[in-house]
Amino acid sequence: MFKKELLEKDVLNRIHWDEKFNPAEFTVCYVDRFSMRLTEVAFTDVQLDGDYIVVDGSAIPVHRIRQIKHKGSVVWAKRKI
């Protein structure tokens, strides 16, 4: 669905602004800084703010996003360098 070379921010903006996509069908998976576990949150519960996503009042840098899912299937994953 998304090209692997796209950055997290590009994918988030496309989901947010492209009328072809229903944001309610997407989830964002990021590494929680404290538990060091992958945390999933509905895209509709995420607020985009520059290089951050805001979840429940906490600003999370987009570089901590590891996957984006559509209806449970991974459609974008951070490439490993």
C-alpha atoms as a PDB file:
ATOM      1  CA  MET A   1       0.000   0.000   0.000  1.00  0.00           C
ATOM      2  CA  PHE A   2       2.867   2.380   0.837  1.00  0.00           C
ATOM      3  CA  LYS A   3       6.359   2.435  -0.612  1.00  0.00           C
ATOM      4  CA  LYS A   4       8.971   1.196   1.832  1.00  0.00           C
ATOM      5  CA  GLU A   5      11.172   4.222   1.240  1.00  0.00           C
ATOM      6  CA  LEU A   6       8.522   6.626   2.560  1.00  0.00           C
ATOM      7  CA  LEU A   7       9.235   8.118   5.959  1.00  0.00           C
ATOM      8  CA  GLU A   8       6.863   7.791   8.912  1.00  0.00           C
ATOM      9  CA  LYS A   9       5.765  11.397   8.610  1.00  0.00           C
ATOM     10  CA  ASP A  10       4.944  11.006   4.901  1.00  0.00           C
ATOM     11  CA  VAL A  11       2.734   7.981   5.548  1.00  0.00           C
ATOM     12  CA  LEU A  12       0.954   9.665   8.470  1.00  0.00           C
ATOM     13  CA  ASN A  13       0.256  12.769   6.383  1.00  0.00           C
ATOM     14  CA  ARG A  14      -1.026  10.691   3.473  1.00  0.00           C
ATOM     15  CA  ILE A  15      -3.435   8.781   5.721  1.00  0.00           C
ATOM     16  CA  HIS A  16      -4.574  12.040   7.271  1.00  0.00           C
ATOM     17  CA  TRP A  17      -5.056  14.053   4.066  1.00  0.00           C
ATOM     18  CA  ASP A  18      -5.716  11.569   1.233  1.00  0.00           C
ATOM     19  CA  GLU A  19      -9.462  11.151   0.765  1.00  0.00           C
ATOM     20  CA  LYS A  20      -8.908   7.600  -0.549  1.00  0.00           C
ATOM     21  CA  PHE A  21      -8.029   6.453   2.976  1.00  0.00           C
ATOM     22  CA  ASN A  22     -10.265   6.032   5.995  1.00  0.00           C
ATOM     23  CA  PRO A  23      -8.104   6.955   9.016  1.00  0.00           C
ATOM     24  CA  ALA A  24     -10.339   4.836  11.279  1.00  0.00           C
ATOM     25  CA  GLU A  25      -8.985   1.707   9.541  1.00  0.00           C
ATOM     26  CA  PHE A  26      -5.351   2.387  10.538  1.00  0.00           C
ATOM     27  CA  THR A  27      -3.289   1.826  13.677  1.00  0.00           C
ATOM     28  CA  VAL A  28       0.102   3.235  14.560  1.00  0.00           C
ATOM     29  CA  CYS A  29       2.645   1.050  16.381  1.00  0.00           C
ATOM     30  CA  TYR A  30       5.445   2.782  18.259  1.00  0.00           C
ATOM     31  CA  VAL A  31       8.044   1.841  20.852  1.00  0.00           C
ATOM     32  CA  ASP A  32       7.018   3.049  24.297  1.00  0.00           C
ATOM     33  CA  ARG A  33       9.998   4.790  25.886  1.00  0.00           C
ATOM     34  CA  PHE A  34       9.358   3.434  29.368  1.00  0.00           C
ATOM     35  CA  SER A  35       8.254  -0.151  28.791  1.00  0.00           C
ATOM     36  CA  MET A  36      10.336  -0.563  25.581  1.00  0.00           C
ATOM     37  CA  ARG A  37       7.405  -2.487  24.119  1.00  0.00           C
ATOM     38  CA  LEU A  38       5.553  -1.969  20.878  1.00  0.00           C
ATOM     39  CA  THR A  39       2.365  -0.050  21.609  1.00  0.00           C
ATOM     40  CA  GLU A  40      -0.584   0.111  19.198  1.00  0.00           C
ATOM     41  CA  VAL A  41      -2.929   3.055  19.023  1.00  0.00           C
ATOM     42  CA  ALA A  42      -5.765   3.845  16.637  1.00  0.00           C
ATOM     43  CA  PHE A  43      -4.816   6.463  14.067  1.00  0.00           C
ATOM     44  CA  THR A  44      -7.911   8.435  15.044  1.00  0.00           C
ATOM     45  CA  ASP A  45      -6.482   8.730  18.591  1.00  0.00           C
ATOM     46  CA  VAL A  46      -3.268  10.277  17.244  1.00  0.00           C
ATOM     47  CA  GLN A  47      -2.767  13.984  16.715  1.00  0.00           C
ATOM     48  CA  LEU A  48      -0.078  15.007  14.225  1.00  0.00           C
ATOM     49  CA  ASP A  49       2.209  17.785  15.467  1.00  0.00           C
ATOM     50  CA  GLY A  50       5.282  18.352  13.315  1.00  0.00           C
ATOM     51  CA  ASP A  51       7.834  15.636  14.047  1.00  0.00           C
ATOM     52  CA  TYR A  52       5.675  14.233  16.843  1.00  0.00           C
ATOM     53  CA  ILE A  53       2.474  12.327  17.311  1.00  0.00           C
ATOM     54  CA  VAL A  54       0.471  13.208  20.381  1.00  0.00           C
ATOM     55  CA  VAL A  55      -1.237  10.311  22.166  1.00  0.00           C
ATOM     56  CA  ASP A  56      -3.187  10.965  25.367  1.00  0.00           C
ATOM     57  CA  GLY A  57      -1.327  14.240  25.848  1.00  0.00           C
ATOM     58  CA  SER A  58       2.134  12.685  25.425  1.00  0.00           C
ATOM     59  CA  ALA A  59       4.342  13.822  22.536  1.00  0.00           C
ATOM     60  CA  ILE A  60       6.054  10.869  20.857  1.00  0.00           C
ATOM     61  CA  PRO A  61       8.744  11.477  18.206  1.00  0.00           C
ATOM     62  CA  VAL A  62       7.802   9.963  14.865  1.00  0.00           C
ATOM     63  CA  HIS A  63      11.157   8.159  14.721  1.00  0.00           C
ATOM     64  CA  ARG A  64       9.788   5.783  17.399  1.00  0.00           C
ATOM     65  CA  ILE A  65       7.049   4.563  15.029  1.00  0.00           C
ATOM     66  CA  ARG A  66       7.886   1.041  13.878  1.00  0.00           C
ATOM     67  CA  GLN A  67       4.768  -0.040  11.939  1.00  0.00           C
ATOM     68  CA  ILE A  68       1.535   1.267  10.503  1.00  0.00           C
ATOM     69  CA  LYS A  69      -1.297  -1.206  10.045  1.00  0.00           C
ATOM     70  CA  HIS A  70      -4.430  -1.192   7.937  1.00  0.00           C
ATOM     71  CA  LYS A  71      -7.193  -3.431   9.256  1.00  0.00           C
ATOM     72  CA  GLY A  72      -4.586  -5.393  11.238  1.00  0.00           C
ATOM     73  CA  SER A  73      -2.122  -5.964   8.382  1.00  0.00           C
ATOM     74  CA  VAL A  74       1.216  -4.169   8.312  1.00  0.00           C
ATOM     75  CA  VAL A  75       1.270  -1.751   5.370  1.00  0.00           C
ATOM     76  CA  TRP A  76       4.398   0.166   6.390  1.00  0.00           C
ATOM     77  CA  ALA A  77       7.347  -0.866   8.555  1.00  0.00           C
ATOM     78  CA  LYS A  78      10.451   1.055   9.475  1.00  0.00           C
ATOM     79  CA  ARG A  79      13.333  -0.254   7.480  1.00  0.00           C
ATOM     80  CA  LYS A  80      16.341  -1.449   9.381  1.00  0.00           C
ATOM     81  CA  ILE A  81      19.651   0.121   8.578  1.00  0.00           C
END
